[in-house]
Amino acid sequence: MVKWMRIIYLIIAWLFPVAILVQVFFVGLSLFTGQSYWDAHIGFGHTIGILPILLVLLGYLGRLPRRTITLTWLALGTYLVQAEVFAAIRADVPLFAAFHPVLALLLFALALIIALQTRTVARAGGQTSSASQQHAPLEEQGSLASDRIR
């Protein structure tokens, strides 16, 4: 089950930065085509919020390393501030609302870091870190004393 959770995590981890790029594309369409795609940007922005929530849950179910789970929580928190706080205050406090696109860049970078590091974690199967390997019997580690002599 851990392996499947990691595979699903990997897929969603790559969908998240792609979804952020789609968000930027909607903004570009609104700015450069003369047509309004702001409703698509807002609607899709709220829809993709499920992705970091799923990543947090799958991170625990997949027994991912603490660093990965921490980055995933950071991405979720950044998303919430980005999509809910800064977007909501754009009329009242435009100076702070101007951080909305800056946080989008930060969120994209976080999502990409998570996706890139997840490739190696997904390959590791049920192992969460090198520390778990230290407690395994020597035969399972593949480092028998006779192997070291050769």
C-alpha atoms as a PDB file:
ATOM      1  CA  MET A   1       0.000   0.000   0.000  1.00  0.00           C
ATOM      2  CA  VAL A   2       2.872   2.384   0.787  1.00  0.00           C
ATOM      3  CA  LYS A   3       4.256   1.933  -2.720  1.00  0.00           C
ATOM      4  CA  TRP A   4       0.883   2.808  -4.309  1.00  0.00           C
ATOM      5  CA  MET A   5       0.500   5.888  -2.108  1.00  0.00           C
ATOM      6  CA  ARG A   6       3.939   7.018  -3.250  1.00  0.00           C
ATOM      7  CA  ILE A   7       3.073   6.451  -6.902  1.00  0.00           C
ATOM      8  CA  ILE A   8      -0.152   8.449  -6.540  1.00  0.00           C
ATOM      9  CA  TYR A   9       1.803  11.129  -4.654  1.00  0.00           C
ATOM     10  CA  LEU A  10       4.302  11.278  -7.533  1.00  0.00           C
ATOM     11  CA  ILE A  11       1.543  11.742 -10.104  1.00  0.00           C
ATOM     12  CA  ILE A  12      -0.189  14.491  -8.118  1.00  0.00           C
ATOM     13  CA  ALA A  13       3.151  16.110  -7.313  1.00  0.00           C
ATOM     14  CA  TRP A  14       3.727  16.567 -11.055  1.00  0.00           C
ATOM     15  CA  LEU A  15       0.128  17.642 -11.725  1.00  0.00           C
ATOM     16  CA  PHE A  16       0.460  20.505  -9.233  1.00  0.00           C
ATOM     17  CA  PRO A  17       3.149  22.542 -11.067  1.00  0.00           C
ATOM     18  CA  VAL A  18       1.381  21.837 -14.363  1.00  0.00           C
ATOM     19  CA  ALA A  19      -1.860  23.185 -12.873  1.00  0.00           C
ATOM     20  CA  ILE A  20      -0.030  26.324 -11.740  1.00  0.00           C
ATOM     21  CA  LEU A  21       1.216  26.831 -15.307  1.00  0.00           C
ATOM     22  CA  VAL A  22      -2.374  26.534 -16.546  1.00  0.00           C
ATOM     23  CA  GLN A  23      -3.291  29.266 -14.040  1.00  0.00           C
ATOM     24  CA  VAL A  24      -0.614  31.537 -15.474  1.00  0.00           C
ATOM     25  CA  PHE A  25      -1.887  30.716 -18.973  1.00  0.00           C
ATOM     26  CA  PHE A  26      -5.402  31.876 -18.009  1.00  0.00           C
ATOM     27  CA  VAL A  27      -3.950  35.170 -16.797  1.00  0.00           C
ATOM     28  CA  GLY A  28      -2.009  35.515 -20.040  1.00  0.00           C
ATOM     29  CA  LEU A  29      -5.155  34.879 -22.051  1.00  0.00           C
ATOM     30  CA  SER A  30      -6.963  37.586 -20.113  1.00  0.00           C
ATOM     31  CA  LEU A  31      -4.163  40.100 -20.518  1.00  0.00           C
ATOM     32  CA  PHE A  32      -3.241  39.520 -24.154  1.00  0.00           C
ATOM     33  CA  THR A  33      -6.379  38.381 -26.009  1.00  0.00           C
ATOM     34  CA  GLY A  34      -8.769  41.093 -24.954  1.00  0.00           C
ATOM     35  CA  GLN A  35     -11.156  38.455 -23.621  1.00  0.00           C
ATOM     36  CA  SER A  36     -11.812  37.799 -19.978  1.00  0.00           C
ATOM     37  CA  TYR A  37     -10.583  34.493 -18.596  1.00  0.00           C
ATOM     38  CA  TRP A  38     -10.561  35.722 -15.004  1.00  0.00           C
ATOM     39  CA  ASP A  39     -13.493  33.473 -14.066  1.00  0.00           C
ATOM     40  CA  ALA A  40     -11.561  30.475 -15.384  1.00  0.00           C
ATOM     41  CA  HIS A  41      -8.494  31.627 -13.429  1.00  0.00           C
ATOM     42  CA  ILE A  42     -10.476  31.991 -10.209  1.00  0.00           C
ATOM     43  CA  GLY A  43     -12.467  28.779 -10.610  1.00  0.00           C
ATOM     44  CA  PHE A  44      -9.484  26.672 -11.602  1.00  0.00           C
ATOM     45  CA  GLY A  45      -7.430  28.256  -8.830  1.00  0.00           C
ATOM     46  CA  HIS A  46      -9.910  27.068  -6.228  1.00  0.00           C
ATOM     47  CA  THR A  47     -10.134  23.638  -7.859  1.00  0.00           C
ATOM     48  CA  ILE A  48      -6.401  22.977  -7.777  1.00  0.00           C
ATOM     49  CA  GLY A  49      -6.413  23.596  -4.031  1.00  0.00           C
ATOM     50  CA  ILE A  50      -7.328  19.946  -3.625  1.00  0.00           C
ATOM     51  CA  LEU A  51      -3.903  18.926  -4.953  1.00  0.00           C
ATOM     52  CA  PRO A  52      -1.750  20.142  -2.044  1.00  0.00           C
ATOM     53  CA  ILE A  53      -4.323  18.770   0.409  1.00  0.00           C
ATOM     54  CA  LEU A  54      -4.059  15.352  -1.254  1.00  0.00           C
ATOM     55  CA  LEU A  55      -0.268  15.619  -1.241  1.00  0.00           C
ATOM     56  CA  VAL A  56      -0.235  16.163   2.522  1.00  0.00           C
ATOM     57  CA  LEU A  57      -2.490  13.151   3.116  1.00  0.00           C
ATOM     58  CA  LEU A  58      -0.606  10.925   0.678  1.00  0.00           C
ATOM     59  CA  GLY A  59       2.692  12.048   2.175  1.00  0.00           C
ATOM     60  CA  TYR A  60       1.700  10.525   5.499  1.00  0.00           C
ATOM     61  CA  LEU A  61       0.091   7.427   3.975  1.00  0.00           C
ATOM     62  CA  GLY A  62       3.149   6.882   1.790  1.00  0.00           C
ATOM     63  CA  ARG A  63       5.455   7.328   4.769  1.00  0.00           C
ATOM     64  CA  LEU A  64       7.481   9.905   2.910  1.00  0.00           C
ATOM     65  CA  PRO A  65      10.530  11.498   4.512  1.00  0.00           C
ATOM     66  CA  ARG A  66       9.967  14.339   6.953  1.00  0.00           C
ATOM     67  CA  ARG A  67      11.605  16.841   4.572  1.00  0.00           C
ATOM     68  CA  THR A  68       9.111  15.995   1.822  1.00  0.00           C
ATOM     69  CA  ILE A  69       6.140  16.248   4.175  1.00  0.00           C
ATOM     70  CA  THR A  70       7.437  19.582   5.503  1.00  0.00           C
ATOM     71  CA  LEU A  71       7.756  20.968   1.972  1.00  0.00           C
ATOM     72  CA  THR A  72       4.263  19.690   1.187  1.00  0.00           C
ATOM     73  CA  TRP A  73       2.819  21.486   4.234  1.00  0.00           C
ATOM     74  CA  LEU A  74       4.711  24.608   3.173  1.00  0.00           C
ATOM     75  CA  ALA A  75       3.184  24.355  -0.306  1.00  0.00           C
ATOM     76  CA  LEU A  76      -0.309  23.956   1.176  1.00  0.00           C
ATOM     77  CA  GLY A  77       0.186  26.954   3.457  1.00  0.00           C
ATOM     78  CA  THR A  78       1.547  29.042   0.588  1.00  0.00           C
ATOM     79  CA  TYR A  79      -1.420  28.039  -1.560  1.00  0.00           C
ATOM     80  CA  LEU A  80      -3.896  29.055   1.147  1.00  0.00           C
ATOM     81  CA  VAL A  81      -2.258  32.441   1.651  1.00  0.00           C
ATOM     82  CA  GLN A  82      -1.946  32.894  -2.119  1.00  0.00           C
ATOM     83  CA  ALA A  83      -5.433  31.871  -3.176  1.00  0.00           C
ATOM     84  CA  GLU A  84      -7.533  32.858  -0.203  1.00  0.00           C
ATOM     85  CA  VAL A  85      -5.837  35.708   1.650  1.00  0.00           C
ATOM     86  CA  PHE A  86      -4.042  37.795  -0.973  1.00  0.00           C
ATOM     87  CA  ALA A  87      -6.716  37.283  -3.601  1.00  0.00           C
ATOM     88  CA  ALA A  88      -9.444  38.307  -1.138  1.00  0.00           C
ATOM     89  CA  ILE A  89      -7.785  41.565  -0.058  1.00  0.00           C
ATOM     90  CA  ARG A  90      -7.052  42.923  -3.526  1.00  0.00           C
ATOM     91  CA  ALA A  91      -9.642  45.700  -3.246  1.00  0.00           C
ATOM     92  CA  ASP A  92      -8.944  46.613   0.375  1.00  0.00           C
ATOM     93  CA  VAL A  93      -5.149  46.395   0.518  1.00  0.00           C
ATOM     94  CA  PRO A  94      -3.817  46.420  -3.040  1.00  0.00           C
ATOM     95  CA  LEU A  95      -0.203  46.715  -1.887  1.00  0.00           C
ATOM     96  CA  PHE A  96      -0.405  43.326  -0.152  1.00  0.00           C
ATOM     97  CA  ALA A  97      -2.537  41.888  -2.934  1.00  0.00           C
ATOM     98  CA  ALA A  98       0.327  42.650  -5.301  1.00  0.00           C
ATOM     99  CA  PHE A  99       2.124  39.704  -3.681  1.00  0.00           C
ATOM    100  CA  HIS A 100      -0.398  37.356  -5.315  1.00  0.00           C
ATOM    101  CA  PRO A 101       1.751  36.779  -8.444  1.00  0.00           C
ATOM    102  CA  VAL A 102       4.943  36.703  -6.351  1.00  0.00           C
ATOM    103  CA  LEU A 103       3.505  33.892  -4.246  1.00  0.00           C
ATOM    104  CA  ALA A 104       2.480  32.128  -7.450  1.00  0.00           C
ATOM    105  CA  LEU A 105       6.150  32.046  -8.445  1.00  0.00           C
ATOM    106  CA  LEU A 106       7.141  30.777  -5.005  1.00  0.00           C
ATOM    107  CA  LEU A 107       4.403  28.153  -5.091  1.00  0.00           C
ATOM    108  CA  PHE A 108       5.500  26.989  -8.540  1.00  0.00           C
ATOM    109  CA  ALA A 109       9.102  26.657  -7.309  1.00  0.00           C
ATOM    110  CA  LEU A 110       7.966  24.676  -4.251  1.00  0.00           C
ATOM    111  CA  ALA A 111       5.754  22.425  -6.353  1.00  0.00           C
ATOM    112  CA  LEU A 112       8.607  21.768  -8.765  1.00  0.00           C
ATOM    113  CA  ILE A 113      11.050  20.992  -5.944  1.00  0.00           C
ATOM    114  CA  ILE A 114       8.538  18.572  -4.426  1.00  0.00           C
ATOM    115  CA  ALA A 115       7.909  16.883  -7.775  1.00  0.00           C
ATOM    116  CA  LEU A 116      11.613  16.543  -8.567  1.00  0.00           C
ATOM    117  CA  GLN A 117      12.559  15.094  -5.199  1.00  0.00           C
ATOM    118  CA  THR A 118       9.572  12.748  -5.234  1.00  0.00           C
ATOM    119  CA  ARG A 119      11.006  10.833  -8.195  1.00  0.00           C
ATOM    120  CA  THR A 120      13.729   9.375  -5.995  1.00  0.00           C
ATOM    121  CA  VAL A 121      11.399   8.792  -3.046  1.00  0.00           C
ATOM    122  CA  ALA A 122       8.894   6.883  -5.199  1.00  0.00           C
ATOM    123  CA  ARG A 123      11.660   4.595  -6.458  1.00  0.00           C
ATOM    124  CA  ALA A 124      12.638   3.792  -2.872  1.00  0.00           C
ATOM    125  CA  GLY A 125       9.419   1.818  -2.368  1.00  0.00           C
ATOM    126  CA  GLY A 126       8.603   1.288   1.293  1.00  0.00           C
ATOM    127  CA  GLN A 127      11.834   2.787   2.648  1.00  0.00           C
ATOM    128  CA  THR A 128      11.401   6.230   4.179  1.00  0.00           C
ATOM    129  CA  SER A 129      15.022   7.197   4.560  1.00  0.00           C
ATOM    130  CA  SER A 130      18.563   5.958   4.838  1.00  0.00           C
ATOM    131  CA  ALA A 131      18.057   5.858   8.610  1.00  0.00           C
ATOM    132  CA  SER A 132      15.573   3.014   8.207  1.00  0.00           C
ATOM    133  CA  GLN A 133      18.234   1.084   6.322  1.00  0.00           C
ATOM    134  CA  GLN A 134      20.665   1.448   9.214  1.00  0.00           C
ATOM    135  CA  HIS A 135      18.396  -0.580  11.466  1.00  0.00           C
ATOM    136  CA  ALA A 136      17.875  -3.383   8.956  1.00  0.00           C
ATOM    137  CA  PRO A 137      19.846  -6.598   9.388  1.00  0.00           C
ATOM    138  CA  LEU A 138      23.127  -6.655   7.490  1.00  0.00           C
ATOM    139  CA  GLU A 139      21.882  -9.349   5.123  1.00  0.00           C
ATOM    140  CA  GLU A 140      19.036  -7.067   3.963  1.00  0.00           C
ATOM    141  CA  GLN A 141      21.405  -4.139   3.476  1.00  0.00           C
ATOM    142  CA  GLY A 142      23.591  -6.152   1.159  1.00  0.00           C
ATOM    143  CA  SER A 143      26.714  -5.219   3.091  1.00  0.00           C
ATOM    144  CA  LEU A 144      27.965  -8.464   4.545  1.00  0.00           C
ATOM    145  CA  ALA A 145      31.503  -8.487   5.859  1.00  0.00           C
ATOM    146  CA  SER A 146      32.509 -10.902   3.109  1.00  0.00           C
ATOM    147  CA  ASP A 147      31.260  -8.405   0.491  1.00  0.00           C
ATOM    148  CA  ARG A 148      33.458  -5.692   1.952  1.00  0.00           C
ATOM    149  CA  ILE A 149      36.574  -7.838   1.759  1.00  0.00           C
ATOM    150  CA  ARG A 150      36.170  -8.485  -1.946  1.00  0.00           C
END
